């Protein structure tokens, strides 16, 4: 998924999006990039839909395998 690849470019260890500092207490710097919040909201809703859809699919497979 290209959206995840974009996040990975900015935060390859998934640390900066969750914490202000690294384990040593050093502030994590992210590049200054302009973006539109409405567009980000729509993209993140799409990511949420993708993962929730996959979760539902896998849950159905697991449930079907019980029979």
N, C-alpha and C. Protein backbone atom coordinates (compact mmCIF):
# COMPACT_ATOMS: atom_id res chain seq x y z
N UNK A 1 0.85 -1.17 0.00
CA UNK A 1 0.00 0.00 0.00
C UNK A 1 0.90 1.24 0.00
N UNK A 2 0.74 2.10 -0.97
CA UNK A 2 1.64 3.24 -1.13
C UNK A 2 1.54 4.25 0.01
N UNK A 3 0.39 4.35 0.66
CA UNK A 3 0.23 5.28 1.78
C UNK A 3 1.17 4.88 2.91
N UNK A 4 1.23 3.59 3.19
CA UNK A 4 2.11 3.11 4.25
C UNK A 4 3.56 3.36 3.87
N UNK A 5 3.91 3.19 2.62
CA UNK A 5 5.27 3.48 2.16
C UNK A 5 5.63 4.95 2.37
N UNK A 6 4.65 5.83 2.17
CA UNK A 6 4.89 7.26 2.38
C UNK A 6 5.18 7.54 3.86
N UNK A 7 4.40 6.95 4.76
CA UNK A 7 4.67 7.13 6.18
C UNK A 7 6.04 6.56 6.55
N UNK A 8 6.39 5.44 5.94
CA UNK A 8 7.67 4.79 6.23
C UNK A 8 8.84 5.68 5.84
N UNK A 9 8.69 6.48 4.80
CA UNK A 9 9.77 7.39 4.39
C UNK A 9 10.07 8.40 5.50
N UNK A 10 9.03 8.89 6.17
CA UNK A 10 9.20 9.90 7.21
C UNK A 10 9.52 9.30 8.57
N UNK A 11 9.06 8.08 8.81
CA UNK A 11 9.18 7.49 10.15
C UNK A 11 9.38 5.99 10.03
N UNK A 12 10.56 5.56 9.57
CA UNK A 12 10.79 4.14 9.28
C UNK A 12 10.67 3.22 10.50
N UNK A 13 10.85 3.73 11.69
CA UNK A 13 10.75 2.89 12.88
C UNK A 13 9.41 3.07 13.60
N UNK A 14 8.50 3.81 12.99
CA UNK A 14 7.17 4.08 13.59
C UNK A 14 7.28 4.66 14.99
N UNK A 15 8.26 5.50 15.19
CA UNK A 15 8.49 6.07 16.51
C UNK A 15 7.98 7.51 16.59
N UNK A 16 8.31 8.31 15.58
CA UNK A 16 8.03 9.74 15.63
C UNK A 16 6.55 10.06 15.61
N UNK A 17 5.75 9.20 15.01
CA UNK A 17 4.32 9.46 14.96
C UNK A 17 3.65 9.15 16.30
N UNK A 18 4.39 8.46 17.18
CA UNK A 18 3.82 8.10 18.48
C UNK A 18 4.47 8.82 19.65
N UNK A 19 5.74 9.17 19.53
CA UNK A 19 6.47 9.74 20.65
C UNK A 19 7.21 11.01 20.23
N UNK A 20 7.37 11.93 21.17
CA UNK A 20 8.09 13.17 20.88
C UNK A 20 9.60 12.99 20.98
N UNK A 21 10.04 11.98 21.76
CA UNK A 21 11.47 11.75 21.94
C UNK A 21 11.80 10.28 21.70
N UNK A 22 13.08 10.03 21.41
CA UNK A 22 13.52 8.64 21.27
C UNK A 22 13.80 8.05 22.65
N UNK A 23 14.26 6.81 22.71
CA UNK A 23 14.49 6.15 24.00
C UNK A 23 15.57 6.84 24.82
N UNK A 24 16.42 7.60 24.17
CA UNK A 24 17.47 8.34 24.88
C UNK A 24 17.04 9.74 25.32
N UNK A 25 15.79 10.11 25.02
CA UNK A 25 15.28 11.42 25.40
C UNK A 25 15.52 12.51 24.38
N UNK A 26 16.14 12.16 23.25
CA UNK A 26 16.42 13.13 22.20
C UNK A 26 15.15 13.37 21.38
N UNK A 27 14.84 14.65 21.11
CA UNK A 27 13.66 14.98 20.35
C UNK A 27 13.76 14.41 18.94
N UNK A 28 12.67 13.83 18.47
CA UNK A 28 12.63 13.24 17.13
C UNK A 28 12.18 14.33 16.16
N UNK A 29 12.99 14.59 15.16
CA UNK A 29 12.68 15.62 14.18
C UNK A 29 12.06 14.98 12.94
N UNK A 30 10.96 15.55 12.50
CA UNK A 30 10.33 15.14 11.25
C UNK A 30 10.55 16.25 10.23
N UNK A 31 10.62 15.90 8.96
CA UNK A 31 10.77 16.95 7.95
C UNK A 31 9.54 17.86 7.93
N UNK A 32 9.75 19.09 7.67
CA UNK A 32 8.67 20.06 7.58
C UNK A 32 8.04 19.94 6.19
N UNK A 33 6.84 19.41 6.16
CA UNK A 33 6.14 19.17 4.89
C UNK A 33 4.75 19.77 4.99
N UNK A 34 4.36 20.54 4.00
CA UNK A 34 3.01 21.10 3.98
C UNK A 34 2.04 20.05 3.45
N UNK A 35 0.89 19.97 4.09
CA UNK A 35 -0.15 19.06 3.64
C UNK A 35 -1.50 19.60 4.05
N UNK A 36 -2.53 19.14 3.39
CA UNK A 36 -3.88 19.58 3.67
C UNK A 36 -4.53 18.61 4.65
N UNK A 37 -5.03 19.09 5.78
CA UNK A 37 -5.60 18.22 6.80
C UNK A 37 -6.83 17.46 6.30
N UNK A 38 -7.64 18.09 5.48
CA UNK A 38 -8.82 17.40 4.95
C UNK A 38 -8.40 16.23 4.08
N UNK A 39 -7.39 16.44 3.27
CA UNK A 39 -6.87 15.35 2.44
C UNK A 39 -6.29 14.23 3.27
N UNK A 40 -5.55 14.59 4.32
CA UNK A 40 -4.98 13.57 5.22
C UNK A 40 -6.08 12.78 5.89
N UNK A 41 -7.12 13.47 6.32
CA UNK A 41 -8.26 12.79 6.96
C UNK A 41 -8.86 11.76 6.01
N UNK A 42 -9.06 12.14 4.77
CA UNK A 42 -9.65 11.23 3.79
C UNK A 42 -8.74 10.03 3.52
N UNK A 43 -7.46 10.28 3.43
CA UNK A 43 -6.50 9.18 3.20
C UNK A 43 -6.50 8.24 4.39
N UNK A 44 -6.49 8.79 5.61
CA UNK A 44 -6.47 7.94 6.80
C UNK A 44 -7.78 7.16 6.95
N UNK A 45 -8.89 7.73 6.53
CA UNK A 45 -10.15 6.97 6.53
C UNK A 45 -10.07 5.81 5.55
N UNK A 46 -9.42 6.04 4.42
CA UNK A 46 -9.22 4.96 3.45
C UNK A 46 -8.34 3.86 4.00
N UNK A 47 -7.27 4.23 4.70
CA UNK A 47 -6.38 3.25 5.33
C UNK A 47 -7.17 2.45 6.37
N UNK A 48 -7.96 3.14 7.18
CA UNK A 48 -8.78 2.48 8.19
C UNK A 48 -9.75 1.49 7.53
N UNK A 49 -10.39 1.91 6.48
CA UNK A 49 -11.32 1.03 5.76
C UNK A 49 -10.61 -0.20 5.20
N UNK A 50 -9.42 0.01 4.67
CA UNK A 50 -8.64 -1.11 4.12
C UNK A 50 -8.35 -2.15 5.20
N UNK A 51 -7.82 -1.69 6.34
CA UNK A 51 -7.45 -2.63 7.39
C UNK A 51 -8.68 -3.26 8.05
N UNK A 52 -9.73 -2.49 8.25
CA UNK A 52 -10.94 -3.07 8.81
C UNK A 52 -11.58 -4.07 7.87
N UNK A 53 -11.52 -3.81 6.58
CA UNK A 53 -12.04 -4.76 5.61
C UNK A 53 -11.25 -6.06 5.63
N UNK A 54 -9.93 -5.94 5.72
CA UNK A 54 -9.10 -7.15 5.81
C UNK A 54 -9.34 -7.90 7.11
N UNK A 55 -9.52 -7.17 8.20
CA UNK A 55 -9.82 -7.81 9.48
C UNK A 55 -11.13 -8.58 9.40
N UNK A 56 -12.13 -7.98 8.79
CA UNK A 56 -13.42 -8.67 8.63
C UNK A 56 -13.27 -9.92 7.78
N UNK A 57 -12.52 -9.82 6.71
CA UNK A 57 -12.30 -10.97 5.82
C UNK A 57 -11.61 -12.10 6.56
N UNK A 58 -10.55 -11.79 7.27
CA UNK A 58 -9.82 -12.83 8.01
C UNK A 58 -10.70 -13.41 9.11
N UNK A 59 -11.46 -12.57 9.79
CA UNK A 59 -12.38 -13.07 10.82
C UNK A 59 -13.40 -14.04 10.25
N UNK A 60 -13.91 -13.73 9.07
CA UNK A 60 -14.85 -14.63 8.41
C UNK A 60 -14.18 -15.95 8.04
N UNK A 61 -12.95 -15.89 7.57
CA UNK A 61 -12.23 -17.13 7.23
C UNK A 61 -12.02 -17.99 8.48
N UNK A 62 -11.64 -17.36 9.57
CA UNK A 62 -11.43 -18.09 10.82
C UNK A 62 -12.73 -18.72 11.29
N UNK A 63 -13.81 -17.93 11.23
CA UNK A 63 -15.10 -18.45 11.66
C UNK A 63 -15.55 -19.61 10.77
N UNK A 64 -15.34 -19.50 9.47
CA UNK A 64 -15.75 -20.56 8.55
C UNK A 64 -14.93 -21.83 8.76
N UNK A 65 -13.68 -21.68 9.20
CA UNK A 65 -12.84 -22.85 9.39
C UNK A 65 -13.25 -23.66 10.62
N UNK A 66 -14.10 -23.10 11.46
CA UNK A 66 -14.55 -23.81 12.65
C UNK A 66 -15.60 -24.87 12.31
N UNK A 67 -16.17 -24.81 11.12
CA UNK A 67 -17.24 -25.74 10.77
C UNK A 67 -16.76 -26.85 9.89
